[in-house]
Amino acid sequence: MSAILDSTDGRSKPLLARLMAAHHIWSWADQAVVSAASFVMLVMLARATDAAQLGAYAVGVSVFALLLATQESLITRPYAIQLYRPIGTPSQHAFSTFALSLLLSLAAVPVLVVTGLGLQRWGLSNFAQVAFALAAALPSVLIREFARRYAFAHLRMFQAMLLDCLVAAITLVLLGWLAWRGELLAHTAFLATGAACGIGGVTWFILQRREFTFSLSHLGATFRQSWSQGRWLFSGQLAIQAQGYMTHWLSLVIAGVTVTGIYAACMSIVAFSNPILYGVFNVLTPKSVRMLRNNGPAALKRQVMRDAALLAMLMIPFCATIYLAGDTIMALVFKGAEYAGHGNILTVLALSALASAVGAPASIALASAERSGAVAVVTSLTALLNILLVWWFLTQWGLLGAAYAVLLVEILGCLGRWTAFLMLVPTLNATKDA
């Protein structure tokens, strides 16, 4: 299989294309499972509680997203990029990478516990419960996500889909049980997620244990290798998460938790595009690493342009659907008058997702070619601009203004990523075997 994937013989290209198409299909299926489970969770919580609980849940999700992005940028994506340059044997390198994920959990859990104690002392009991639930669930969630990213790095999309199907099924059963008992709240939803991810993560590790050789001798070297690449990815991911969730936090501060819940509901409708987007994104890093390694910068440039065009063609019909039926979809999914009349917000957010999607292949390709610094600079500048514009537009024109601020920033970010990519393509070097 590796010979087929690595071949540069022209006669192998049709087969390679078919294999990559299969990877895209399974990646789309996997992301459909993940996105559907997340969406159903959100709807179940919205129907069982109110917009305030939904807002607290959205804030908790933003914290999880930051920690998952930390793991991806510092641990799992460097592993995928440097797959052909392992520290020690491949199985030792895999274990060292897994150990780094466990150490991240050990570092983050006490911070969440202390945060919960502080929130409790300040009388914010709902948010304190969420913080404690996040602390309990975090190790399991990180292990499950490590398993997904490990599978993606090796282009085992079907394996990732099976894992996510298991976790989704257990999660929804637990949420249904909590709803039946009248105990489904923001913090219990996170506890259910942690339990499901724990079962899935342990199952995965038992089945894959032969690919890991227990050895701590290379842990320091693996960390240094990951950090050399991951520090730029990490700064970029911090900026991405700030940009993605800043509207949640600013709306919480400026307009209150109920408005934050309404914004989260709007974003959940726009997130219908996630299977389309992340089904492609999950394949792009290993695909770009292989393309640059085997065929060079010119071939990578052509691939990135094709990927951007594909994403645009997929997202334009989605945006049209949101424009025509966004209000109707919102009314069908969420109960309550506070969720009605937000069709304009949905349309603007859908267009911002389109702009983000078109820019993503360029930034992913640069990161795969170990040029993450340029991506980090562009992303940091757009994140700063996002904070300023969302604050200004939100105070002046409410949630619709915030949505327009997000759209403007995404357009500028897309242009910045493509400018950086086109400027740096001639300087890229194919990754060499160690």
Protein backbone atom coordinates (compact mmCIF):
# COMPACT_ATOMS: atom_id res chain seq x y z
CA MET A 1 0.00 0.00 0.00
CA SER A 2 2.77 2.48 0.86
CA ALA A 3 4.43 1.75 -2.47
CA ILE A 4 1.22 2.61 -4.26
CA LEU A 5 0.74 5.81 -2.29
CA ASP A 6 4.35 6.92 -2.72
CA SER A 7 4.72 6.03 -6.38
CA THR A 8 5.45 8.86 -8.79
CA ASP A 9 5.02 6.69 -11.87
CA GLY A 10 2.45 8.21 -14.19
CA ARG A 11 0.74 4.84 -14.54
CA SER A 12 0.02 4.88 -10.79
CA LYS A 13 -1.66 8.27 -10.78
CA PRO A 14 -5.16 7.06 -11.68
CA LEU A 15 -4.98 4.52 -8.87
CA LEU A 16 -3.63 7.16 -6.49
CA ALA A 17 -6.47 9.46 -7.47
CA ARG A 18 -9.00 6.71 -6.79
CA LEU A 19 -7.44 5.99 -3.41
CA MET A 20 -7.54 9.66 -2.48
CA ALA A 21 -11.16 9.82 -3.61
CA ALA A 22 -11.94 6.88 -1.33
CA HIS A 23 -10.17 8.66 1.52
CA HIS A 24 -12.31 11.73 0.87
CA ILE A 25 -15.49 9.63 0.93
CA TRP A 26 -14.66 7.98 4.25
CA SER A 27 -13.48 11.30 5.67
CA TRP A 28 -16.78 12.92 4.67
CA ALA A 29 -18.66 10.02 6.24
CA ASP A 30 -16.62 10.34 9.43
CA GLN A 31 -17.18 14.08 9.65
CA ALA A 32 -20.88 13.58 8.97
CA VAL A 33 -21.04 11.31 12.02
CA VAL A 34 -19.13 13.77 14.21
CA SER A 35 -21.10 16.80 13.05
CA ALA A 36 -24.46 15.04 13.28
CA ALA A 37 -23.71 13.88 16.83
CA SER A 38 -22.64 17.39 17.88
CA PHE A 39 -25.72 18.92 16.30
CA VAL A 40 -28.11 16.42 17.90
CA MET A 41 -26.45 17.06 21.27
CA LEU A 42 -27.00 20.78 20.86
CA VAL A 43 -30.65 20.37 19.84
CA MET A 44 -31.36 17.92 22.68
CA LEU A 45 -29.89 20.38 25.17
CA ALA A 46 -31.78 23.32 23.64
CA ARG A 47 -35.09 21.45 23.82
CA ALA A 48 -34.48 20.16 27.34
CA THR A 49 -33.35 23.49 28.85
CA ASP A 50 -33.24 27.12 27.70
CA ALA A 51 -31.00 29.55 25.84
CA ALA A 52 -29.03 30.32 29.02
CA GLN A 53 -27.97 26.68 29.42
CA LEU A 54 -27.20 26.59 25.71
CA GLY A 55 -24.99 29.63 26.13
CA ALA A 56 -23.12 28.00 29.03
CA TYR A 57 -22.67 24.88 26.90
CA ALA A 58 -21.32 26.99 24.01
CA VAL A 59 -18.75 28.58 26.30
CA GLY A 60 -17.69 25.13 27.51
CA VAL A 61 -17.38 23.91 23.93
CA SER A 62 -15.10 26.86 23.17
CA VAL A 63 -12.79 25.78 26.02
CA PHE A 64 -12.73 22.21 24.71
CA ALA A 65 -12.05 23.49 21.21
CA LEU A 66 -9.04 25.46 22.47
CA LEU A 67 -7.59 22.40 24.23
CA LEU A 68 -8.21 20.15 21.23
CA ALA A 69 -6.54 22.74 19.01
CA THR A 70 -3.58 22.79 21.39
CA GLN A 71 -3.20 19.03 21.06
CA GLU A 72 -3.54 19.15 17.30
CA SER A 73 -1.04 21.95 16.79
CA LEU A 74 1.62 20.81 19.27
CA ILE A 75 1.26 17.03 18.98
CA THR A 76 -0.84 15.36 16.30
CA ARG A 77 -0.29 17.60 13.27
CA PRO A 78 3.51 17.70 13.76
CA TYR A 79 3.32 13.90 13.95
CA ALA A 80 1.50 13.80 10.60
CA ILE A 81 3.88 16.29 8.98
CA GLN A 82 7.00 14.53 10.27
CA LEU A 83 5.72 11.00 9.72
CA TYR A 84 8.71 10.14 7.53
CA ARG A 85 11.20 11.43 10.10
CA PRO A 86 10.37 9.48 13.29
CA ILE A 87 12.42 9.73 16.47
CA GLY A 88 13.44 6.12 17.09
CA THR A 89 11.35 3.43 15.45
CA PRO A 90 7.89 4.36 14.11
CA SER A 91 6.22 2.53 17.02
CA GLN A 92 8.42 4.29 19.59
CA HIS A 93 7.70 7.63 17.96
CA ALA A 94 3.96 6.89 18.01
CA PHE A 95 4.10 6.07 21.73
CA SER A 96 6.11 9.19 22.54
CA THR A 97 3.51 11.27 20.71
CA PHE A 98 0.71 9.54 22.62
CA ALA A 99 2.55 10.20 25.90
CA LEU A 100 2.70 13.90 25.05
CA SER A 101 -1.08 13.88 24.72
CA LEU A 102 -1.42 12.34 28.17
CA LEU A 103 0.92 14.96 29.62
CA LEU A 104 -1.23 17.70 28.10
CA SER A 105 -4.21 16.29 30.00
CA LEU A 106 -2.25 16.25 33.24
CA ALA A 107 -1.35 19.91 32.73
CA ALA A 108 -4.82 21.12 31.75
CA VAL A 109 -7.04 19.32 34.27
CA PRO A 110 -5.75 21.20 37.38
CA VAL A 111 -6.22 24.51 35.57
CA LEU A 112 -9.87 23.68 34.88
CA VAL A 113 -10.41 22.58 38.48
CA VAL A 114 -8.92 25.80 39.85
CA THR A 115 -11.03 27.79 37.39
CA GLY A 116 -14.15 25.97 38.61
CA LEU A 117 -13.31 26.76 42.23
CA GLY A 118 -12.85 30.42 41.34
CA LEU A 119 -16.16 30.58 39.49
CA GLN A 120 -17.87 28.88 42.41
CA ARG A 121 -16.41 31.42 44.82
CA TRP A 122 -17.71 34.25 42.63
CA GLY A 123 -21.22 32.81 42.74
CA LEU A 124 -21.25 31.57 39.12
CA SER A 125 -22.36 28.07 40.02
CA ASN A 126 -23.57 27.08 36.52
CA PHE A 127 -20.23 27.93 34.94
CA ALA A 128 -18.38 26.30 37.85
CA GLN A 129 -20.24 23.04 37.21
CA VAL A 130 -19.29 23.27 33.54
CA ALA A 131 -15.61 23.80 34.44
CA PHE A 132 -15.60 20.75 36.76
CA ALA A 133 -17.32 18.65 34.10
CA LEU A 134 -14.73 19.75 31.52
CA ALA A 135 -11.94 18.72 33.89
CA ALA A 136 -13.48 15.27 34.34
CA ALA A 137 -14.09 14.72 30.65
CA LEU A 138 -10.91 16.22 29.20
CA PRO A 139 -8.51 13.23 29.36
CA SER A 140 -11.00 10.97 27.57
CA VAL A 141 -11.82 13.61 24.97
CA LEU A 142 -8.14 14.21 24.19
CA ILE A 143 -7.43 10.48 23.84
CA ARG A 144 -10.36 10.05 21.46
CA GLU A 145 -9.18 13.01 19.39
CA PHE A 146 -5.62 11.66 19.38
CA ALA A 147 -6.97 8.39 18.00
CA ARG A 148 -8.80 10.23 15.21
CA ARG A 149 -5.78 12.30 14.22
CA TYR A 150 -3.48 9.27 14.36
CA ALA A 151 -5.81 7.50 11.94
CA PHE A 152 -5.92 10.57 9.67
CA ALA A 153 -2.11 10.80 9.61
CA HIS A 154 -1.99 7.23 8.27
CA LEU A 155 -4.95 7.85 5.91
CA ARG A 156 -7.11 5.32 7.79
CA MET A 157 -10.33 7.25 7.41
CA PHE A 158 -12.55 4.18 7.75
CA GLN A 159 -10.97 3.36 11.10
CA ALA A 160 -11.63 6.90 12.33
CA MET A 161 -15.24 6.64 11.19
CA LEU A 162 -15.79 3.41 13.14
CA LEU A 163 -14.37 5.01 16.28
CA ASP A 164 -16.56 8.08 15.88
CA CYS A 165 -19.66 5.96 15.24
CA LEU A 166 -19.05 4.14 18.53
CA VAL A 167 -18.52 7.36 20.49
CA ALA A 168 -21.52 9.07 18.90
CA ALA A 169 -23.83 6.13 19.63
CA ILE A 170 -22.80 5.95 23.29
CA THR A 171 -23.02 9.73 23.71
CA LEU A 172 -26.54 9.98 22.31
CA VAL A 173 -27.75 7.05 24.41
CA LEU A 174 -26.40 8.70 27.55
CA LEU A 175 -27.92 12.05 26.61
CA GLY A 176 -31.27 10.42 25.93
CA TRP A 177 -31.14 8.76 29.33
CA LEU A 178 -30.30 12.08 31.02
CA ALA A 179 -33.13 13.84 29.16
CA TRP A 180 -35.58 11.11 30.19
CA ARG A 181 -34.57 11.60 33.83
CA GLY A 182 -34.84 15.39 33.50
CA GLU A 183 -31.10 15.80 34.29
CA LEU A 184 -29.79 16.98 30.91
CA LEU A 185 -27.93 20.23 31.56
CA ALA A 186 -24.78 21.79 30.14
CA HIS A 187 -22.43 20.13 32.64
CA THR A 188 -24.07 16.68 32.48
CA ALA A 189 -23.81 16.79 28.67
CA PHE A 190 -20.03 17.19 29.01
CA LEU A 191 -19.86 14.33 31.50
CA ALA A 192 -21.73 12.09 29.06
CA THR A 193 -19.32 13.11 26.30
CA GLY A 194 -16.35 12.25 28.48
CA ALA A 195 -17.75 8.82 29.36
CA ALA A 196 -18.40 7.99 25.69
CA CYS A 197 -14.96 9.20 24.59
CA GLY A 198 -13.35 7.17 27.38
CA ILE A 199 -14.99 3.96 26.19
CA GLY A 200 -14.06 4.71 22.57
CA GLY A 201 -10.48 5.73 23.39
CA VAL A 202 -9.76 2.67 25.51
CA THR A 203 -11.25 0.38 22.85
CA TRP A 204 -9.10 2.02 20.18
CA PHE A 205 -5.89 1.71 22.20
CA ILE A 206 -6.48 -1.97 22.95
CA LEU A 207 -6.98 -2.70 19.26
CA GLN A 208 -3.99 -0.58 18.15
CA ARG A 209 -1.59 -1.38 21.01
CA ARG A 210 0.83 -3.30 18.77
CA GLU A 211 1.62 -0.09 16.88
CA PHE A 212 2.99 1.47 20.07
CA THR A 213 6.25 0.46 21.76
CA PHE A 214 6.45 1.60 25.38
CA SER A 215 9.60 3.69 25.65
CA LEU A 216 10.20 7.03 27.32
CA SER A 217 13.78 7.33 26.06
CA HIS A 218 12.71 9.39 23.03
CA LEU A 219 10.08 11.51 24.77
CA GLY A 220 12.27 14.60 25.06
CA ALA A 221 13.50 14.40 21.47
CA THR A 222 9.96 13.89 20.20
CA PHE A 223 8.79 16.92 22.15
CA ARG A 224 11.59 19.07 20.71
CA GLN A 225 10.82 17.89 17.19
CA SER A 226 7.11 18.56 17.65
CA TRP A 227 7.75 21.91 19.27
CA SER A 228 10.01 23.08 16.43
CA GLN A 229 7.05 22.77 14.07
CA GLY A 230 4.19 23.02 16.54
CA ARG A 231 5.03 26.38 18.12
CA TRP A 232 3.96 28.13 14.93
CA LEU A 233 0.96 25.89 14.49
CA PHE A 234 0.03 26.55 18.12
CA SER A 235 0.19 30.32 17.78
CA GLY A 236 -1.90 30.05 14.63
CA GLN A 237 -4.41 27.75 16.32
CA LEU A 238 -4.74 30.11 19.28
CA ALA A 239 -5.55 32.86 16.82
CA ILE A 240 -8.03 30.65 14.96
CA GLN A 241 -9.81 29.68 18.15
CA ALA A 242 -9.88 33.29 19.33
CA GLN A 243 -11.32 34.29 15.98
CA GLY A 244 -13.84 31.43 15.93
CA TYR A 245 -15.13 31.82 19.47
CA MET A 246 -14.55 35.48 20.22
CA THR A 247 -18.10 36.32 19.18
CA HIS A 248 -19.38 33.87 21.82
CA TRP A 249 -17.29 35.50 24.53
CA LEU A 250 -17.97 39.08 23.49
CA SER A 251 -21.70 38.46 23.19
CA LEU A 252 -21.59 36.93 26.68
CA VAL A 253 -19.91 40.05 28.09
CA ILE A 254 -21.86 42.63 26.09
CA ALA A 255 -25.32 41.11 25.62
CA GLY A 256 -25.59 38.23 28.11
CA VAL A 257 -25.76 34.46 28.09
CA THR A 258 -29.13 34.26 26.27
CA VAL A 259 -27.83 36.15 23.23
CA THR A 260 -24.78 33.88 23.30
CA GLY A 261 -27.13 30.90 23.16
CA ILE A 262 -28.94 32.38 20.15
CA TYR A 263 -25.64 32.92 18.37
CA ALA A 264 -24.62 29.33 19.17
CA ALA A 265 -27.91 28.12 17.68
CA CYS A 266 -27.23 30.10 14.48
CA MET A 267 -23.72 28.67 14.28
CA SER A 268 -25.12 25.16 14.71
CA ILE A 269 -27.20 25.64 11.54
CA VAL A 270 -24.18 26.92 9.62
CA ALA A 271 -22.27 23.92 11.00
CA PHE A 272 -24.35 21.75 8.67
CA SER A 273 -21.47 22.49 6.29
CA ASN A 274 -18.91 20.85 8.59
CA PRO A 275 -19.15 17.38 7.00
CA ILE A 276 -18.43 19.03 3.65
CA LEU A 277 -15.52 21.10 4.95
CA TYR A 278 -13.81 18.86 7.47
CA GLY A 279 -14.30 15.80 5.33
CA VAL A 280 -11.85 17.51 2.96
CA PHE A 281 -9.69 19.21 5.62
CA ASN A 282 -8.95 15.93 7.42
CA VAL A 283 -7.31 14.54 4.28
CA LEU A 284 -5.40 17.65 3.21
CA THR A 285 -2.43 17.47 5.61
CA PRO A 286 -1.31 13.88 4.80
CA LYS A 287 -2.21 14.46 1.16
CA SER A 288 -0.13 17.65 0.96
CA VAL A 289 2.84 16.03 2.73
CA ARG A 290 2.85 13.18 0.21
CA MET A 291 2.35 15.45 -2.79
CA LEU A 292 5.22 17.77 -1.88
CA ARG A 293 7.48 14.86 -0.95
CA ASN A 294 6.90 12.95 -4.18
CA ASN A 295 6.05 15.55 -6.82
CA GLY A 296 7.39 18.90 -5.69
CA PRO A 297 6.06 22.46 -5.17
CA ALA A 298 4.48 22.89 -8.60
CA ALA A 299 2.33 19.79 -8.15
CA LEU A 300 1.39 20.94 -4.64
CA LYS A 301 0.28 24.31 -6.02
CA ARG A 302 -1.97 22.65 -8.59
CA GLN A 303 -3.46 20.36 -5.94
CA VAL A 304 -4.17 23.24 -3.55
CA MET A 305 -5.95 25.20 -6.27
CA ARG A 306 -8.07 22.18 -7.16
CA ASP A 307 -8.94 21.66 -3.48
CA ALA A 308 -9.98 25.31 -3.09
CA ALA A 309 -12.13 25.12 -6.21
CA LEU A 310 -13.75 21.91 -4.97
CA LEU A 311 -14.58 23.49 -1.61
CA ALA A 312 -16.04 26.56 -3.29
CA MET A 313 -18.25 24.43 -5.54
CA LEU A 314 -19.48 22.48 -2.53
CA MET A 315 -20.13 25.52 -0.36
CA ILE A 316 -21.93 27.79 -2.86
CA PRO A 317 -25.07 25.57 -3.01
CA PHE A 318 -24.99 25.37 0.80
CA CYS A 319 -24.96 29.16 1.09
CA ALA A 320 -27.84 29.41 -1.38
CA THR A 321 -29.84 26.93 0.70
CA ILE A 322 -29.24 28.91 3.88
CA TYR A 323 -30.30 32.12 2.11
CA LEU A 324 -33.55 30.57 0.88
CA ALA A 325 -34.50 28.39 3.85
CA GLY A 326 -32.38 29.43 6.84
CA ASP A 327 -35.30 30.82 8.85
CA THR A 328 -37.41 27.74 8.17
CA ILE A 329 -34.61 25.38 9.21
CA MET A 330 -34.04 27.38 12.38
CA ALA A 331 -37.73 27.22 13.29
CA LEU A 332 -37.86 23.47 12.68
CA VAL A 333 -34.83 22.74 14.82
CA PHE A 334 -35.20 25.11 17.77
CA LYS A 335 -38.28 25.90 19.79
CA GLY A 336 -38.93 29.36 21.21
CA ALA A 337 -39.57 32.84 19.88
CA GLU A 338 -36.00 33.94 20.66
CA TYR A 339 -34.69 31.70 17.86
CA ALA A 340 -36.94 33.21 15.15
CA GLY A 341 -36.08 35.92 12.62
CA HIS A 342 -32.35 35.38 12.25
CA GLY A 343 -32.22 34.47 8.56
CA ASN A 344 -29.91 37.38 7.69
CA ILE A 345 -27.44 36.34 10.38
CA LEU A 346 -27.47 32.77 9.06
CA THR A 347 -26.76 33.91 5.50
CA VAL A 348 -23.85 36.14 6.49
CA LEU A 349 -22.32 33.40 8.64
CA ALA A 350 -22.68 30.90 5.79
CA LEU A 351 -20.81 33.26 3.46
CA SER A 352 -18.07 33.62 6.07
CA ALA A 353 -17.77 29.82 6.15
CA LEU A 354 -17.36 29.88 2.35
CA ALA A 355 -14.53 32.44 2.58
CA SER A 356 -12.82 30.44 5.32
CA ALA A 357 -13.09 27.23 3.30
CA VAL A 358 -11.48 28.72 0.19
CA GLY A 359 -8.50 29.94 2.22
CA ALA A 360 -7.97 26.74 4.21
CA PRO A 361 -6.13 24.62 1.56
CA ALA A 362 -3.44 27.29 1.21
CA SER A 363 -2.74 27.47 4.94
CA ILE A 364 -2.85 23.68 5.38
CA ALA A 365 -0.37 23.23 2.51
CA LEU A 366 2.02 25.77 4.02
CA ALA A 367 1.85 24.02 7.40
CA SER A 368 2.42 20.65 5.74
CA ALA A 369 5.52 22.08 4.06
CA GLU A 370 6.77 23.30 7.47
CA ARG A 371 6.11 26.96 6.70
CA SER A 372 3.74 27.45 9.62
CA GLY A 373 5.26 30.78 10.59
CA ALA A 374 3.64 32.55 7.65
CA VAL A 375 0.27 31.00 8.49
CA ALA A 376 0.64 32.05 12.13
CA VAL A 377 1.36 35.68 11.17
CA VAL A 378 -1.66 35.95 8.88
CA THR A 379 -3.95 34.18 11.34
CA SER A 380 -2.80 36.29 14.29
CA LEU A 381 -3.43 39.53 12.39
CA THR A 382 -6.90 38.43 11.31
CA ALA A 383 -7.72 37.28 14.85
CA LEU A 384 -6.77 40.68 16.26
CA LEU A 385 -8.85 42.38 13.60
CA ASN A 386 -11.72 40.01 14.41
CA ILE A 387 -11.71 41.02 18.08
CA LEU A 388 -11.78 44.72 17.24
CA LEU A 389 -14.44 44.52 14.54
CA VAL A 390 -16.74 42.10 16.38
CA TRP A 391 -16.63 44.29 19.50
CA TRP A 392 -17.38 47.41 17.47
CA PHE A 393 -20.05 45.92 15.20
CA LEU A 394 -21.72 43.99 18.04
CA THR A 395 -22.13 47.09 20.18
CA GLN A 396 -23.45 49.11 17.22
CA TRP A 397 -25.65 46.63 15.32
CA GLY A 398 -26.10 43.57 17.54
CA LEU A 399 -25.63 39.99 16.37
CA LEU A 400 -26.12 40.86 12.71
CA GLY A 401 -23.31 43.38 12.96
CA ALA A 402 -21.10 40.76 14.60
CA ALA A 403 -21.86 38.37 11.75
CA TYR A 404 -20.81 40.98 9.18
CA ALA A 405 -17.59 41.55 11.13
CA VAL A 406 -16.87 37.80 10.98
CA LEU A 407 -17.51 37.79 7.21
CA LEU A 408 -15.20 40.75 6.56
CA VAL A 409 -12.40 39.19 8.60
CA GLU A 410 -12.76 35.81 6.87
CA ILE A 411 -12.50 37.45 3.44
CA LEU A 412 -9.33 39.32 4.45
CA GLY A 413 -7.92 36.17 6.04
CA CYS A 414 -8.56 34.16 2.88
CA LEU A 415 -6.73 36.75 0.77
CA GLY A 416 -3.84 36.80 3.25
CA ARG A 417 -3.42 33.01 3.28
CA TRP A 418 -3.41 32.76 -0.50
CA THR A 419 -0.95 35.64 -0.80
CA ALA A 420 1.43 33.93 1.62
CA PHE A 421 1.07 30.59 -0.15
CA LEU A 422 1.69 31.96 -3.65
CA MET A 423 4.70 33.93 -2.43
CA LEU A 424 6.27 30.94 -0.66
CA VAL A 425 5.51 28.14 -3.16
CA PRO A 426 8.82 28.57 -5.04
CA THR A 427 10.76 28.22 -1.76
CA LEU A 428 9.15 24.98 -0.64
CA ASN A 429 11.30 21.87 -0.50
CA ALA A 430 10.03 18.31 -0.63
CA THR A 431 10.29 16.55 2.71
CA LYS A 432 13.14 14.07 2.69
CA ASP A 433 13.26 10.76 4.45
CA ALA A 434 15.26 10.79 7.62
